[in-house]
C-alpha atoms as a PDB file:
ATOM      1  CA  MET A   1      65.449 190.804 121.557  1.00  0.00           C
ATOM      2  CA  MET A   2      67.506 193.337 119.629  1.00  0.00           C
ATOM      3  CA  GLU A   3      64.660 195.812 119.942  1.00  0.00           C
ATOM      4  CA  GLN A   4      64.734 195.471 123.724  1.00  0.00           C
ATOM      5  CA  THR A   5      68.433 196.352 123.833  1.00  0.00           C
ATOM      6  CA  GLY A   6      67.986 199.254 121.445  1.00  0.00           C
ATOM      7  CA  GLU A   7      70.362 197.790 118.850  1.00  0.00           C
ATOM      8  CA  GLU A   8      69.581 197.587 115.157  1.00  0.00           C
ATOM      9  CA  ILE A   9      69.096 194.157 113.629  1.00  0.00           C
ATOM     10  CA  ASP A  10      72.130 192.988 111.653  1.00  0.00           C
ATOM     11  CA  TRP A  11      70.523 190.785 109.011  1.00  0.00           C
ATOM     12  CA  ASP A  12      73.931 189.432 107.933  1.00  0.00           C
ATOM     13  CA  ARG A  13      74.339 187.804 111.362  1.00  0.00           C
ATOM     14  CA  CYS A  14      70.857 186.263 111.427  1.00  0.00           C
ATOM     15  CA  PRO A  15      70.731 182.529 110.665  1.00  0.00           C
ATOM     16  CA  ALA A  16      69.043 181.471 107.444  1.00  0.00           C
ATOM     17  CA  ASP A  17      65.430 180.366 107.662  1.00  0.00           C
ATOM     18  CA  PHE A  18      64.302 177.063 106.112  1.00  0.00           C
ATOM     19  CA  GLU A  19      62.336 178.952 103.444  1.00  0.00           C
ATOM     20  CA  ASP A  20      65.530 180.735 102.360  1.00  0.00           C
ATOM     21  CA  PHE A  21      66.907 177.495 100.906  1.00  0.00           C
ATOM     22  CA  PRO A  22      66.090 176.236  97.394  1.00  0.00           C
ATOM     23  CA  PRO A  23      63.561 173.427  96.849  1.00  0.00           C
ATOM     24  CA  SER A  24      66.365 170.911  96.247  1.00  0.00           C
ATOM     25  CA  ILE A  25      67.520 171.392  99.849  1.00  0.00           C
ATOM     26  CA  HIS A  26      63.928 170.961 101.099  1.00  0.00           C
ATOM     27  CA  THR A  27      63.717 167.675  99.184  1.00  0.00           C
ATOM     28  CA  ALA A  28      67.083 166.481 100.506  1.00  0.00           C
ATOM     29  CA  MET A  29      66.027 167.342 104.072  1.00  0.00           C
ATOM     30  CA  ASN A  30      62.758 165.433 103.656  1.00  0.00           C
ATOM     31  CA  ILE A  31      64.640 162.395 102.352  1.00  0.00           C
ATOM     32  CA  TYR A  32      67.212 162.673 105.164  1.00  0.00           C
ATOM     33  CA  ASN A  33      64.496 162.812 107.814  1.00  0.00           C
ATOM     34  CA  SER A  34      62.751 159.802 106.227  1.00  0.00           C
ATOM     35  CA  LEU A  35      65.829 157.600 106.544  1.00  0.00           C
ATOM     36  CA  GLY A  36      66.203 155.529 109.701  1.00  0.00           C
ATOM     37  CA  ASN A  37      68.964 156.097 112.279  1.00  0.00           C
ATOM     38  CA  ARG A  38      71.615 153.560 113.277  1.00  0.00           C
ATOM     39  CA  ILE A  39      72.422 153.928 116.964  1.00  0.00           C
ATOM     40  CA  ALA A  40      74.580 151.822 119.291  1.00  0.00           C
ATOM     41  CA  ALA A  41      74.488 152.270 123.064  1.00  0.00           C
ATOM     42  CA  ASP A  42      78.240 152.518 123.558  1.00  0.00           C
ATOM     43  CA  ILE A  43      78.999 154.402 120.330  1.00  0.00           C
ATOM     44  CA  GLY A  44      76.008 156.677 119.850  1.00  0.00           C
ATOM     45  CA  TYR A  45      74.721 157.740 116.456  1.00  0.00           C
ATOM     46  CA  MET A  46      76.465 155.780 113.698  1.00  0.00           C
ATOM     47  CA  GLY A  47      74.737 157.357 110.726  1.00  0.00           C
ATOM     48  CA  LYS A  48      71.653 156.904 108.618  1.00  0.00           C
ATOM     49  CA  ASP A  49      70.355 153.576 107.404  1.00  0.00           C
ATOM     50  CA  TRP A  50      70.656 154.007 103.626  1.00  0.00           C
ATOM     51  CA  THR A  51      68.596 150.896 102.787  1.00  0.00           C
ATOM     52  CA  ASN A  52      65.559 152.863 101.559  1.00  0.00           C
ATOM     53  CA  LEU A  53      67.478 155.593  99.721  1.00  0.00           C
ATOM     54  CA  GLU A  54      66.674 154.316  96.205  1.00  0.00           C
ATOM     55  CA  LEU A  55      62.979 154.083  97.056  1.00  0.00           C
ATOM     56  CA  LEU A  56      62.919 157.598  98.495  1.00  0.00           C
ATOM     57  CA  LEU A  57      64.764 158.997  95.466  1.00  0.00           C
ATOM     58  CA  GLU A  58      62.121 157.389  93.256  1.00  0.00           C
ATOM     59  CA  ILE A  59      59.264 158.758  95.366  1.00  0.00           C
ATOM     60  CA  TYR A  60      60.700 162.283  95.207  1.00  0.00           C
ATOM     61  CA  LYS A  61      61.407 161.832  91.477  1.00  0.00           C
ATOM     62  CA  ILE A  62      65.142 162.480  91.759  1.00  0.00           C
ATOM     63  CA  ASP A  63      66.437 161.242  88.411  1.00  0.00           C
ATOM     64  CA  LYS A  64      69.965 160.138  87.693  1.00  0.00           C
ATOM     65  CA  GLY A  65      72.422 162.898  86.941  1.00  0.00           C
ATOM     66  CA  ILE A  66      73.441 166.152  88.544  1.00  0.00           C
ATOM     67  CA  GLU A  67      70.287 166.520  90.639  1.00  0.00           C
ATOM     68  CA  ARG A  68      70.811 163.058  92.165  1.00  0.00           C
ATOM     69  CA  GLU A  69      74.497 163.754  92.837  1.00  0.00           C
ATOM     70  CA  TRP A  70      73.590 167.073  94.492  1.00  0.00           C
ATOM     71  CA  CYS A  71      70.946 165.415  96.662  1.00  0.00           C
ATOM     72  CA  ILE A  72      73.322 162.658  97.767  1.00  0.00           C
ATOM     73  CA  ASP A  73      76.062 165.224  98.521  1.00  0.00           C
ATOM     74  CA  VAL A  74      73.619 167.123 100.747  1.00  0.00           C
ATOM     75  CA  LEU A  75      72.551 163.888 102.472  1.00  0.00           C
ATOM     76  CA  LEU A  76      76.167 162.892 103.135  1.00  0.00           C
ATOM     77  CA  PHE A  77      76.956 166.369 104.476  1.00  0.00           C
ATOM     78  CA  LEU A  78      73.980 166.257 106.852  1.00  0.00           C
ATOM     79  CA  ASP A  79      74.896 162.765 108.022  1.00  0.00           C
ATOM     80  CA  GLY A  80      78.518 163.727 108.594  1.00  0.00           C
ATOM     81  CA  GLU A  81      77.533 166.740 110.681  1.00  0.00           C
ATOM     82  CA  THR A  82      75.110 164.670 112.749  1.00  0.00           C
ATOM     83  CA  ILE A  83      77.755 161.990 113.361  1.00  0.00           C
ATOM     84  CA  ARG A  84      80.288 164.640 114.384  1.00  0.00           C
ATOM     85  CA  ASP A  85      77.781 166.223 116.767  1.00  0.00           C
ATOM     86  CA  SER A  86      76.976 162.838 118.311  1.00  0.00           C
ATOM     87  CA  GLN A  87      80.665 162.042 118.800  1.00  0.00           C
ATOM     88  CA  GLN A  88      81.240 165.358 120.546  1.00  0.00           C
ATOM     89  CA  ARG A  89      78.276 164.802 122.879  1.00  0.00           C
ATOM     90  CA  MET A  90      79.394 161.245 123.660  1.00  0.00           C
ATOM     91  CA  LYS A  91      82.929 162.474 124.409  1.00  0.00           C
ATOM     92  CA  ALA A  92      81.605 165.237 126.669  1.00  0.00           C
ATOM     93  CA  GLU A  93      79.469 162.725 128.604  1.00  0.00           C
ATOM     94  CA  HIS A  94      82.410 160.326 128.845  1.00  0.00           C
ATOM     95  CA  ASP A  95      84.678 163.108 130.153  1.00  0.00           C
ATOM     96  CA  LYS A  96      82.026 164.167 132.645  1.00  0.00           C
ATOM     97  CA  LEU A  97      81.788 160.607 133.983  1.00  0.00           C
ATOM     98  CA  ARG A  98      85.581 160.349 134.254  1.00  0.00           C
ATOM     99  CA  LYS A  99      85.754 163.456 136.450  1.00  0.00           C
ATOM    100  CA  LYS A 100      83.441 161.943 139.066  1.00  0.00           C
END
């Protein structure tokens, strides 16, 4: 698109690609996507179902220690962002319905 406008590409403004992240982030994302979602009709997304976390950590060979703490921190960050996004969408839909 930048080429069509004649502008030079500013690589500092380009979003990171999945391959740009370290393998530990890839593993955390795979675990996150393997966890089930908890959803309620009137609330929306309530977060991940953490029931299978220990099993997934074993499968991906995430041992106790710093690597496990890092992985769990990434998982909690991802879940928090997804919950926040869901709350914003639910609020926007609620506000839209109120205006009618």
